[in-house]
Amino acid sequence: MSRAIKKGPSRGEGFSIVEAVVAVMVLAVVAAMALPYLSRGDTSQEGGTGPTTPDWMEAAPSTVAARSPVSDWMGVDPSAGDRDAQVELRDVLLAEKAFWLEHGDYTASATDIAAFNPGVRIGTSPASGVVISLSPVSDGTVCLTRSSDTGATFSVWEDERAGTFFGAADLSSGPCPAAVPAGYSPGGW
């Protein structure tokens, strides 16, 4: 008996410490992802033992896309799509300003913008990418519009003399105005 104790387990028996630590880490990650979803309240319906219908399934049909089970489960805020649209607008605005510095005027050409920032999406509608429109009255004015995945519209009105103004009105539906649109502010959205 003392010989078996001194010898210890032979190779191949049991788990190594590395395997055990990896298994614990995997379980911790799964638990960290599942706990916020599971801790949303009562798990029974009207005193029963069945699970409740998740709130994203009870939402109106128009909001189901904005509040998908994945975004709720992972804790992703639907307004992240709004921020993405704003970032795209700022990227195009920086490219427009760079183009203006080199050429003294703004451009509506996707090719010109891509020369300064190849990753931007220029579109023909605000839902497909940033829409660029130039003012027919003022040479130094450009309007940029982009819609987010949540349906919100963001626009930038830029003039070489007046500066940059941010707002929510769709400036792609007509010609870019020569004056600052009502409700626009220089501080951001």
N, C-alpha and C. Protein backbone atom coordinates (compact mmCIF):
# COMPACT_ATOMS: atom_id res chain seq x y z
N MET A 1 0.81 -1.19 0.00
CA MET A 1 0.00 0.00 0.00
C MET A 1 0.85 1.25 0.00
N SER A 2 1.93 1.23 0.78
CA SER A 2 2.78 2.42 0.83
C SER A 2 3.45 2.66 -0.51
N ARG A 3 3.72 1.61 -1.26
CA ARG A 3 4.31 1.75 -2.57
C ARG A 3 3.36 2.47 -3.54
N ALA A 4 2.05 2.19 -3.49
CA ALA A 4 1.06 2.83 -4.34
C ALA A 4 0.92 4.30 -4.01
N ILE A 5 1.02 4.65 -2.74
CA ILE A 5 0.90 6.06 -2.34
C ILE A 5 2.12 6.83 -2.82
N LYS A 6 3.30 6.29 -2.65
CA LYS A 6 4.51 6.97 -3.09
C LYS A 6 4.56 7.12 -4.59
N LYS A 7 4.07 6.12 -5.29
CA LYS A 7 4.14 6.15 -6.74
C LYS A 7 3.23 7.22 -7.32
N GLY A 8 2.02 7.46 -6.77
CA GLY A 8 1.07 8.45 -7.26
C GLY A 8 0.38 7.94 -8.51
N PRO A 9 -0.47 8.76 -9.10
CA PRO A 9 -1.19 8.33 -10.30
C PRO A 9 -0.25 8.21 -11.49
N SER A 10 -0.54 7.26 -12.31
CA SER A 10 0.29 7.09 -13.51
C SER A 10 -0.11 8.14 -14.55
N ARG A 11 0.73 8.36 -15.52
CA ARG A 11 0.45 9.33 -16.58
C ARG A 11 -0.80 8.93 -17.33
N GLY A 12 -1.57 9.96 -17.75
CA GLY A 12 -2.77 9.70 -18.51
C GLY A 12 -4.02 9.65 -17.65
N GLU A 13 -3.89 9.63 -16.32
CA GLU A 13 -5.06 9.59 -15.45
C GLU A 13 -5.38 11.01 -14.98
N GLY A 14 -6.67 11.38 -14.99
CA GLY A 14 -7.11 12.66 -14.46
C GLY A 14 -6.83 13.82 -15.42
N PHE A 15 -7.09 15.02 -14.93
CA PHE A 15 -6.90 16.23 -15.71
C PHE A 15 -5.66 16.98 -15.24
N SER A 16 -5.00 17.64 -16.15
CA SER A 16 -3.89 18.48 -15.74
C SER A 16 -4.46 19.79 -15.20
N ILE A 17 -3.67 20.54 -14.50
CA ILE A 17 -4.12 21.81 -13.94
C ILE A 17 -4.49 22.80 -15.04
N VAL A 18 -3.79 22.76 -16.17
CA VAL A 18 -4.09 23.66 -17.28
C VAL A 18 -5.47 23.37 -17.86
N GLU A 19 -5.79 22.09 -18.02
CA GLU A 19 -7.11 21.70 -18.52
C GLU A 19 -8.22 22.15 -17.58
N ALA A 20 -8.01 22.02 -16.31
CA ALA A 20 -9.01 22.43 -15.32
C ALA A 20 -9.22 23.95 -15.34
N VAL A 21 -8.14 24.71 -15.45
CA VAL A 21 -8.25 26.17 -15.48
C VAL A 21 -8.97 26.62 -16.75
N VAL A 22 -8.68 26.00 -17.88
CA VAL A 22 -9.36 26.35 -19.13
C VAL A 22 -10.85 26.06 -19.02
N ALA A 23 -11.22 24.93 -18.44
CA ALA A 23 -12.63 24.58 -18.29
C ALA A 23 -13.34 25.59 -17.39
N VAL A 24 -12.71 26.01 -16.32
CA VAL A 24 -13.31 27.01 -15.42
C VAL A 24 -13.46 28.35 -16.14
N MET A 25 -12.47 28.74 -16.93
CA MET A 25 -12.55 30.01 -17.66
C MET A 25 -13.68 29.98 -18.68
N VAL A 26 -13.85 28.89 -19.39
CA VAL A 26 -14.94 28.78 -20.38
C VAL A 26 -16.29 28.89 -19.67
N LEU A 27 -16.44 28.20 -18.55
CA LEU A 27 -17.70 28.29 -17.80
C LEU A 27 -17.94 29.71 -17.29
N ALA A 28 -16.91 30.41 -16.87
CA ALA A 28 -17.06 31.78 -16.38
C ALA A 28 -17.51 32.71 -17.51
N VAL A 29 -16.97 32.55 -18.70
CA VAL A 29 -17.38 33.39 -19.84
C VAL A 29 -18.83 33.13 -20.20
N VAL A 30 -19.23 31.87 -20.25
CA VAL A 30 -20.62 31.53 -20.57
C VAL A 30 -21.55 32.09 -19.50
N ALA A 31 -21.19 31.98 -18.25
CA ALA A 31 -22.02 32.51 -17.16
C ALA A 31 -22.10 34.03 -17.23
N ALA A 32 -21.01 34.69 -17.54
CA ALA A 32 -21.01 36.16 -17.64
C ALA A 32 -21.91 36.64 -18.76
N MET A 33 -22.00 35.88 -19.84
CA MET A 33 -22.88 36.26 -20.94
C MET A 33 -24.34 35.94 -20.62
N ALA A 34 -24.61 34.88 -19.92
CA ALA A 34 -25.98 34.43 -19.69
C ALA A 34 -26.63 35.09 -18.48
N LEU A 35 -25.89 35.45 -17.45
CA LEU A 35 -26.49 35.99 -16.23
C LEU A 35 -27.30 37.27 -16.45
N PRO A 36 -26.81 38.27 -17.18
CA PRO A 36 -27.65 39.46 -17.37
C PRO A 36 -28.97 39.13 -18.07
N TYR A 37 -28.94 38.19 -18.98
CA TYR A 37 -30.16 37.80 -19.70
C TYR A 37 -31.12 37.06 -18.78
N LEU A 38 -30.58 36.21 -17.94
CA LEU A 38 -31.41 35.40 -17.05
C LEU A 38 -31.90 36.18 -15.83
N SER A 39 -31.25 37.26 -15.48
CA SER A 39 -31.61 38.00 -14.27
C SER A 39 -32.59 39.13 -14.56
N ARG A 40 -33.38 39.02 -15.61
CA ARG A 40 -34.32 40.07 -15.98
C ARG A 40 -35.60 40.04 -15.17
N GLY A 41 -35.71 39.24 -14.20
CA GLY A 41 -36.91 39.23 -13.39
C GLY A 41 -37.45 37.83 -13.21
N ASP A 42 -38.76 37.76 -12.97
CA ASP A 42 -39.46 36.52 -12.69
C ASP A 42 -39.37 35.58 -13.89
N THR A 43 -39.11 34.31 -13.64
CA THR A 43 -39.01 33.35 -14.73
C THR A 43 -40.26 32.51 -14.88
N SER A 44 -41.32 32.88 -14.18
CA SER A 44 -42.56 32.11 -14.31
C SER A 44 -43.68 33.01 -14.82
N GLN A 45 -44.66 32.43 -15.48
CA GLN A 45 -45.80 33.17 -16.01
C GLN A 45 -47.02 32.93 -15.13
N GLU A 46 -47.55 33.99 -14.55
CA GLU A 46 -48.77 33.93 -13.75
C GLU A 46 -48.74 32.78 -12.75
N GLY A 47 -47.68 32.67 -12.02
CA GLY A 47 -47.58 31.65 -10.99
C GLY A 47 -47.17 30.29 -11.50
N GLY A 48 -47.08 30.11 -12.81
CA GLY A 48 -46.66 28.84 -13.37
C GLY A 48 -45.16 28.68 -13.28
N THR A 49 -44.69 27.58 -13.81
CA THR A 49 -43.26 27.34 -13.74
C THR A 49 -42.56 27.56 -15.07
N GLY A 50 -43.30 27.92 -16.12
CA GLY A 50 -42.70 28.10 -17.43
C GLY A 50 -42.01 29.45 -17.54
N PRO A 51 -41.12 29.60 -18.50
CA PRO A 51 -40.42 30.87 -18.68
C PRO A 51 -41.35 31.92 -19.27
N THR A 52 -41.07 33.18 -18.97
CA THR A 52 -41.86 34.27 -19.53
C THR A 52 -41.44 34.52 -20.97
N THR A 53 -42.30 35.17 -21.70
CA THR A 53 -41.95 35.58 -23.05
C THR A 53 -41.00 36.76 -22.94
N PRO A 54 -39.84 36.71 -23.57
CA PRO A 54 -38.91 37.83 -23.48
C PRO A 54 -39.56 39.11 -24.00
N ASP A 55 -39.18 40.26 -23.41
CA ASP A 55 -39.81 41.51 -23.78
C ASP A 55 -39.58 41.87 -25.25
N TRP A 56 -38.51 41.40 -25.86
CA TRP A 56 -38.28 41.73 -27.26
C TRP A 56 -39.30 41.06 -28.16
N MET A 57 -39.90 39.93 -27.71
CA MET A 57 -40.90 39.25 -28.52
C MET A 57 -42.27 39.93 -28.40
N GLU A 58 -42.48 40.68 -27.31
CA GLU A 58 -43.74 41.37 -27.11
C GLU A 58 -43.73 42.76 -27.73
N ALA A 59 -42.61 43.19 -28.27
CA ALA A 59 -42.51 44.53 -28.83
C ALA A 59 -43.35 44.65 -30.09
N ALA A 60 -43.70 45.88 -30.40
CA ALA A 60 -44.45 46.14 -31.62
C ALA A 60 -43.61 45.74 -32.82
N PRO A 61 -44.24 45.32 -33.94
CA PRO A 61 -43.48 44.86 -35.09
C PRO A 61 -42.47 45.87 -35.61
N SER A 62 -42.74 47.16 -35.47
CA SER A 62 -41.82 48.17 -36.00
C SER A 62 -40.55 48.27 -35.18
N THR A 63 -40.56 47.77 -33.93
CA THR A 63 -39.37 47.89 -33.10
C THR A 63 -38.63 46.58 -32.94
N VAL A 64 -39.14 45.51 -33.52
CA VAL A 64 -38.49 44.21 -33.35
C VAL A 64 -37.08 44.23 -33.94
N ALA A 65 -36.89 44.87 -35.09
CA ALA A 65 -35.57 44.90 -35.70
C ALA A 65 -34.58 45.66 -34.84
N ALA A 66 -35.03 46.73 -34.18
CA ALA A 66 -34.14 47.54 -33.35
C ALA A 66 -33.81 46.83 -32.05
N ARG A 67 -34.69 45.96 -31.56
CA ARG A 67 -34.47 45.28 -30.30
C ARG A 67 -34.48 43.78 -30.53
N SER A 68 -33.50 43.29 -31.20
CA SER A 68 -33.43 41.87 -31.50
C SER A 68 -32.99 41.10 -30.26
N PRO A 69 -33.25 39.80 -30.22
CA PRO A 69 -32.83 39.02 -29.05
C PRO A 69 -31.33 39.03 -28.86
N VAL A 70 -30.59 39.09 -29.94
CA VAL A 70 -29.13 39.09 -29.82
C VAL A 70 -28.67 40.38 -29.17
N SER A 71 -29.21 41.53 -29.62
CA SER A 71 -28.78 42.79 -29.03
C SER A 71 -29.20 42.88 -27.57
N ASP A 72 -30.40 42.36 -27.22
CA ASP A 72 -30.82 42.37 -25.82
C ASP A 72 -29.96 41.42 -24.99
N TRP A 73 -29.72 40.24 -25.52
CA TRP A 73 -28.97 39.24 -24.77
C TRP A 73 -27.53 39.66 -24.56
N MET A 74 -26.93 40.27 -25.59
CA MET A 74 -25.54 40.67 -25.48
C MET A 74 -25.38 42.05 -24.84
N GLY A 75 -26.50 42.73 -24.56
CA GLY A 75 -26.42 44.03 -23.92
C GLY A 75 -26.04 45.15 -24.87
N VAL A 76 -26.22 44.95 -26.17
CA VAL A 76 -25.87 45.97 -27.15
C VAL A 76 -27.01 46.96 -27.22
N ASP A 77 -26.69 48.23 -27.14
CA ASP A 77 -27.69 49.28 -27.21
C ASP A 77 -28.06 49.52 -28.66
N PRO A 78 -29.37 49.52 -28.99
CA PRO A 78 -29.76 49.76 -30.38
C PRO A 78 -29.29 51.10 -30.91
N SER A 79 -29.02 52.06 -30.02
CA SER A 79 -28.55 53.37 -30.48
C SER A 79 -27.11 53.31 -31.00
N ALA A 80 -26.48 52.15 -30.91
CA ALA A 80 -25.14 52.02 -31.48
C ALA A 80 -25.19 52.24 -32.99
N GLY A 81 -26.30 51.88 -33.63
CA GLY A 81 -26.48 52.15 -35.05
C GLY A 81 -26.53 53.64 -35.34
N ASP A 82 -27.13 54.41 -34.40
CA ASP A 82 -27.14 55.87 -34.54
C ASP A 82 -25.72 56.40 -34.50
N ARG A 83 -24.93 55.90 -33.59
CA ARG A 83 -23.56 56.37 -33.46
C ARG A 83 -22.75 56.01 -34.70
N ASP A 84 -23.00 54.85 -35.26
CA ASP A 84 -22.31 54.44 -36.48
C ASP A 84 -22.60 55.40 -37.63
N ALA A 85 -23.86 55.81 -37.77
CA ALA A 85 -24.23 56.76 -38.82
C ALA A 85 -23.54 58.10 -38.60
N GLN A 86 -23.45 58.54 -37.35
CA GLN A 86 -22.79 59.80 -37.04
C GLN A 86 -21.30 59.74 -37.34
N VAL A 87 -20.69 58.60 -37.06
CA VAL A 87 -19.26 58.44 -37.35
C VAL A 87 -19.02 58.49 -38.86
N GLU A 88 -19.89 57.83 -39.63
CA GLU A 88 -19.75 57.88 -41.09
C GLU A 88 -19.86 59.32 -41.60
N LEU A 89 -20.80 60.08 -41.04
CA LEU A 89 -20.94 61.48 -41.45
C LEU A 89 -19.68 62.28 -41.13
N ARG A 90 -19.13 62.08 -39.97
CA ARG A 90 -17.91 62.81 -39.60
C ARG A 90 -16.73 62.41 -40.49
N ASP A 91 -16.66 61.14 -40.87
CA ASP A 91 -15.58 60.71 -41.77
C ASP A 91 -15.69 61.40 -43.12
N VAL A 92 -16.91 61.49 -43.65
CA VAL A 92 -17.10 62.16 -44.94
C VAL A 92 -16.85 63.65 -44.79
N LEU A 93 -17.27 64.22 -43.67
CA LEU A 93 -17.03 65.65 -43.43
C LEU A 93 -15.53 65.95 -43.41
N LEU A 94 -14.75 65.11 -42.76
CA LEU A 94 -13.29 65.32 -42.74
C LEU A 94 -12.70 65.21 -44.14
N ALA A 95 -13.20 64.26 -44.94
CA ALA A 95 -12.72 64.13 -46.32
C ALA A 95 -13.12 65.36 -47.14
N GLU A 96 -14.34 65.87 -46.92
CA GLU A 96 -14.78 67.09 -47.61
C GLU A 96 -13.88 68.28 -47.25
N LYS A 97 -13.55 68.40 -45.98
CA LYS A 97 -12.69 69.51 -45.55
C LYS A 97 -11.29 69.37 -46.14
N ALA A 98 -10.79 68.15 -46.20
CA ALA A 98 -9.47 67.93 -46.81
C ALA A 98 -9.52 68.28 -48.30
N PHE A 99 -10.58 67.89 -48.98
CA PHE A 99 -10.74 68.22 -50.39
C PHE A 99 -10.82 69.74 -50.56
N TRP A 100 -11.55 70.42 -49.69
CA TRP A 100 -11.69 71.87 -49.77
C TRP A 100 -10.34 72.56 -49.57
N LEU A 101 -9.52 72.02 -48.66
CA LEU A 101 -8.19 72.61 -48.43
C LEU A 101 -7.32 72.51 -49.67
N GLU A 102 -7.42 71.43 -50.41
CA GLU A 102 -6.60 71.25 -51.60
C GLU A 102 -7.15 71.96 -52.83
N HIS A 103 -8.50 72.02 -52.96
CA HIS A 103 -9.10 72.52 -54.20
C HIS A 103 -9.90 73.81 -54.04
N GLY A 104 -10.15 74.24 -52.80
CA GLY A 104 -10.88 75.48 -52.57
C GLY A 104 -12.37 75.36 -52.77
N ASP A 105 -12.89 74.16 -52.87
CA ASP A 105 -14.32 73.95 -53.05
C ASP A 105 -14.67 72.55 -52.55
N TYR A 106 -15.95 72.31 -52.26
CA TYR A 106 -16.40 70.99 -51.84
C TYR A 106 -16.73 70.15 -53.07
N THR A 107 -16.89 68.84 -52.87
CA THR A 107 -17.17 67.93 -53.97
C THR A 107 -18.34 67.01 -53.62
N ALA A 108 -19.06 66.58 -54.62
CA ALA A 108 -20.12 65.58 -54.44
C ALA A 108 -19.71 64.25 -55.04
N SER A 109 -18.47 64.15 -55.48
CA SER A 109 -17.98 62.95 -56.14
C SER A 109 -17.50 61.92 -55.12
N ALA A 110 -18.04 60.72 -55.22
CA ALA A 110 -17.62 59.63 -54.34
C ALA A 110 -16.15 59.29 -54.57
N THR A 111 -15.70 59.43 -55.80
CA THR A 111 -14.29 59.14 -56.11
C THR A 111 -13.37 60.12 -55.40
N ASP A 112 -13.74 61.40 -55.40
CA ASP A 112 -12.92 62.40 -54.71
C ASP A 112 -12.87 62.13 -53.22
N ILE A 113 -13.99 61.77 -52.63
CA ILE A 113 -14.05 61.49 -51.19
C ILE A 113 -13.24 60.23 -50.87
N ALA A 114 -13.37 59.20 -51.71
CA ALA A 114 -12.64 57.95 -51.49
C ALA A 114 -11.13 58.14 -51.58
N ALA A 115 -10.69 59.16 -52.31
CA ALA A 115 -9.25 59.43 -52.38
C ALA A 115 -8.71 59.85 -51.01
N PHE A 116 -9.55 60.49 -50.20
CA PHE A 116 -9.13 60.92 -48.87
C PHE A 116 -9.45 59.89 -47.79
N ASN A 117 -10.55 59.16 -47.98
CA ASN A 117 -10.95 58.15 -47.01
C ASN A 117 -11.59 56.98 -47.77
N PRO A 118 -10.81 55.97 -48.11
CA PRO A 118 -11.32 54.87 -48.94
C PRO A 118 -12.43 54.05 -48.30
N GLY A 119 -12.59 54.10 -46.99
CA GLY A 119 -13.56 53.25 -46.32
C GLY A 119 -14.97 53.80 -46.23
N VAL A 120 -15.19 55.04 -46.66
CA VAL A 120 -16.52 55.63 -46.51
C VAL A 120 -17.51 55.08 -47.53
N ARG A 121 -18.78 55.04 -47.09
CA ARG A 121 -19.85 54.59 -47.98
C ARG A 121 -20.64 55.82 -48.43
N ILE A 122 -20.55 56.11 -49.70
CA ILE A 122 -21.35 57.19 -50.28
C ILE A 122 -22.54 56.52 -50.94
N GLY A 123 -23.75 57.03 -50.68
CA GLY A 123 -24.94 56.40 -51.21
C GLY A 123 -25.83 57.38 -51.96
N THR A 124 -26.83 56.81 -52.61
CA THR A 124 -27.81 57.64 -53.31
C THR A 124 -29.02 57.91 -52.42
N SER A 125 -29.12 57.20 -51.30
CA SER A 125 -30.16 57.46 -50.31
C SER A 125 -29.49 57.39 -48.93
N PRO A 126 -30.03 58.11 -47.95
CA PRO A 126 -29.41 58.10 -46.62
C PRO A 126 -29.34 56.72 -45.98
N ALA A 127 -30.20 55.81 -46.38
CA ALA A 127 -30.18 54.46 -45.80
C ALA A 127 -29.02 53.62 -46.35
N SER A 128 -28.53 53.94 -47.55
CA SER A 128 -27.48 53.13 -48.17
C SER A 128 -26.08 53.69 -47.94
N GLY A 129 -25.96 54.91 -47.52
CA GLY A 129 -24.67 55.54 -47.29
C GLY A 129 -24.85 57.04 -47.13
N VAL A 130 -23.75 57.74 -46.97
CA VAL A 130 -23.81 59.19 -46.81
C VAL A 130 -24.16 59.83 -48.15
N VAL A 131 -25.19 60.68 -48.14
CA VAL A 131 -25.60 61.41 -49.34
C VAL A 131 -24.96 62.79 -49.28
N ILE A 132 -24.27 63.15 -50.36
CA ILE A 132 -23.61 64.45 -50.45
C ILE A 132 -24.38 65.31 -51.43
N SER A 133 -24.71 66.52 -51.02
CA SER A 133 -25.33 67.46 -51.95
C SER A 133 -24.69 68.83 -51.76
N LEU A 134 -24.46 69.49 -52.87
CA LEU A 134 -23.87 70.83 -52.86
C LEU A 134 -24.97 71.86 -53.04
N SER A 135 -24.73 73.03 -52.48
CA SER A 135 -25.70 74.11 -52.63
C SER A 135 -25.60 74.70 -54.03
N PRO A 136 -26.73 74.84 -54.76
CA PRO A 136 -26.68 75.45 -56.08
C PRO A 136 -26.48 76.96 -56.00
N VAL A 137 -26.71 77.55 -54.82
CA VAL A 137 -26.61 79.00 -54.65
C VAL A 137 -25.22 79.41 -54.17
N SER A 138 -24.69 78.66 -53.20
CA SER A 138 -23.41 79.02 -52.60
C SER A 138 -22.38 77.94 -52.93
N ASP A 139 -21.26 78.34 -53.51
CA ASP A 139 -20.22 77.38 -53.88
C ASP A 139 -19.56 76.73 -52.66
N GLY A 140 -19.55 77.42 -51.55
CA GLY A 140 -18.83 76.92 -50.38
C GLY A 140 -19.71 76.22 -49.38
N THR A 141 -20.79 75.58 -49.81
CA THR A 141 -21.71 74.91 -48.88
C THR A 141 -21.95 73.47 -49.34
N VAL A 142 -21.89 72.55 -48.36
CA VAL A 142 -22.15 71.14 -48.64
C VAL A 142 -23.06 70.58 -47.56
N CYS A 143 -23.94 69.66 -47.95
CA CYS A 143 -24.84 68.98 -47.01
C CYS A 143 -24.56 67.49 -47.05
N LEU A 144 -24.51 66.88 -45.89
CA LEU A 144 -24.28 65.44 -45.77
C LEU A 144 -25.41 64.84 -44.93
N THR A 145 -25.99 63.74 -45.39
CA THR A 145 -27.11 63.11 -44.69
C THR A 145 -26.89 61.60 -44.63
N ARG A 146 -27.23 61.02 -43.48
CA ARG A 146 -27.12 59.57 -43.31
C ARG A 146 -28.21 59.11 -42.35
N SER A 147 -28.87 58.00 -42.65
CA SER A 147 -29.86 57.39 -41.76
C SER A 147 -29.23 56.19 -41.07
N SER A 148 -29.62 55.97 -39.83
CA SER A 148 -29.08 54.84 -39.08
C SER A 148 -29.98 53.63 -39.22
N ASP A 149 -29.55 52.52 -38.65
CA ASP A 149 -30.33 51.28 -38.67
C ASP A 149 -31.63 51.42 -37.88
N THR A 150 -31.68 52.34 -36.92
CA THR A 150 -32.88 52.54 -36.12
C THR A 150 -33.88 53.46 -36.81
N GLY A 151 -33.50 54.03 -37.96
CA GLY A 151 -34.40 54.90 -38.71
C GLY A 151 -34.18 56.37 -38.45
N ALA A 152 -33.30 56.72 -37.53
CA ALA A 152 -33.01 58.13 -37.24
C ALA A 152 -32.16 58.71 -38.38
N THR A 153 -32.40 59.98 -38.69
CA THR A 153 -31.64 60.66 -39.75
C THR A 153 -30.75 61.72 -39.12
N PHE A 154 -29.52 61.78 -39.58
CA PHE A 154 -28.55 62.76 -39.11
C PHE A 154 -27.99 63.50 -40.31
N SER A 155 -27.79 64.80 -40.14
CA SER A 155 -27.26 65.60 -41.24
C SER A 155 -26.22 66.58 -40.74
N VAL A 156 -25.34 66.96 -41.66
CA VAL A 156 -24.34 67.98 -41.40
C VAL A 156 -24.47 69.03 -42.50
N TRP A 157 -24.52 70.30 -42.09
CA TRP A 157 -24.52 71.43 -43.03
C TRP A 157 -23.21 72.15 -42.80
N GLU A 158 -22.37 72.24 -43.83
CA GLU A 158 -21.04 72.82 -43.73
C GLU A 158 -20.91 73.96 -44.72
N ASP A 159 -20.45 75.10 -44.22
CA ASP A 159 -20.20 76.25 -45.08
C ASP A 159 -18.81 76.77 -44.78
N GLU A 160 -18.09 77.16 -45.82
CA GLU A 160 -16.70 77.59 -45.62
C GLU A 160 -16.61 78.85 -44.77
N ARG A 161 -17.66 79.67 -44.71
CA ARG A 161 -17.64 80.89 -43.90
C ARG A 161 -18.36 80.70 -42.56
N ALA A 162 -19.50 80.04 -42.55
CA ALA A 162 -20.32 79.93 -41.34
C ALA A 162 -19.88 78.79 -40.42
N GLY A 163 -19.26 77.75 -40.97
CA GLY A 163 -18.81 76.63 -40.15
C GLY A 163 -19.65 75.39 -40.33
N THR A 164 -19.61 74.52 -39.32
CA THR A 164 -20.29 73.23 -39.38
C THR A 164 -21.45 73.21 -38.39
N PHE A 165 -22.61 72.74 -38.89
CA PHE A 165 -23.81 72.65 -38.07
C PHE A 165 -24.40 71.25 -38.20
N PHE A 166 -24.92 70.73 -37.09
CA PHE A 166 -25.44 69.37 -37.03
C PHE A 166 -26.94 69.39 -36.75
N GLY A 167 -27.68 68.49 -37.39
CA GLY A 167 -29.12 68.42 -37.16
C GLY A 167 -29.70 67.09 -37.58
N ALA A 168 -31.04 67.02 -37.51
CA ALA A 168 -31.73 65.76 -37.80
C ALA A 168 -32.62 65.83 -39.03
N ALA A 169 -32.74 66.98 -39.65
CA ALA A 169 -33.59 67.08 -40.84
C ALA A 169 -32.88 66.44 -42.03
N ASP A 170 -33.64 65.78 -42.88
CA ASP A 170 -33.09 65.13 -44.06
C ASP A 170 -32.76 66.19 -45.12
N LEU A 171 -31.47 66.45 -45.31
CA LEU A 171 -31.04 67.46 -46.29
C LEU A 171 -30.83 66.86 -47.67
N SER A 172 -31.10 65.57 -47.83
CA SER A 172 -30.89 64.94 -49.13
C SER A 172 -32.13 64.99 -50.01
N SER A 173 -33.26 65.40 -49.44
CA SER A 173 -34.51 65.38 -50.20
C SER A 173 -34.66 66.55 -51.16
N GLY A 174 -33.81 67.53 -51.07
CA GLY A 174 -33.86 68.68 -51.97
C GLY A 174 -32.48 69.27 -52.11
N PRO A 175 -32.39 70.45 -52.73
CA PRO A 175 -31.07 71.07 -52.85
C PRO A 175 -30.54 71.51 -51.48
N CYS A 176 -29.26 71.50 -51.33
CA CYS A 176 -28.62 71.91 -50.08
C CYS A 176 -28.90 73.40 -49.87
N PRO A 177 -29.47 73.78 -48.71
CA PRO A 177 -29.79 75.19 -48.50
C PRO A 177 -28.54 76.06 -48.37
N ALA A 178 -28.67 77.31 -48.77
CA ALA A 178 -27.55 78.24 -48.70
C ALA A 178 -27.36 78.77 -47.28
N ALA A 179 -28.41 78.73 -46.45
CA ALA A 179 -28.33 79.21 -45.07
C ALA A 179 -28.47 78.02 -44.11
N VAL A 180 -28.07 78.25 -42.88
CA VAL A 180 -28.15 77.20 -41.86
C VAL A 180 -29.61 76.78 -41.70
N PRO A 181 -29.91 75.47 -41.80
CA PRO A 181 -31.30 75.01 -41.62
C PRO A 181 -31.78 75.26 -40.19
N ALA A 182 -33.07 75.46 -40.03
CA ALA A 182 -33.66 75.68 -38.71
C ALA A 182 -33.44 74.46 -37.83
N GLY A 183 -33.08 74.69 -36.58
CA GLY A 183 -32.89 73.62 -35.63
C GLY A 183 -31.50 73.03 -35.62
N TYR A 184 -30.61 73.51 -36.47
CA TYR A 184 -29.24 72.99 -36.51
C TYR A 184 -28.37 73.76 -35.53
N SER A 185 -27.42 73.05 -34.92
CA SER A 185 -26.52 73.69 -33.95
C SER A 185 -25.08 73.30 -34.24
N PRO A 186 -24.14 74.15 -33.82
CA PRO A 186 -22.74 73.85 -34.11
C PRO A 186 -22.12 72.84 -33.14
N GLY A 187 -22.84 72.45 -32.10
CA GLY A 187 -22.25 71.61 -31.06
C GLY A 187 -22.33 70.12 -31.30
N GLY A 188 -23.03 69.64 -32.28
CA GLY A 188 -23.19 68.20 -32.50
C GLY A 188 -24.65 67.81 -32.40
N TRP A 189 -24.93 66.52 -32.52
CA TRP A 189 -26.31 66.06 -32.56
C TRP A 189 -26.94 66.07 -31.21
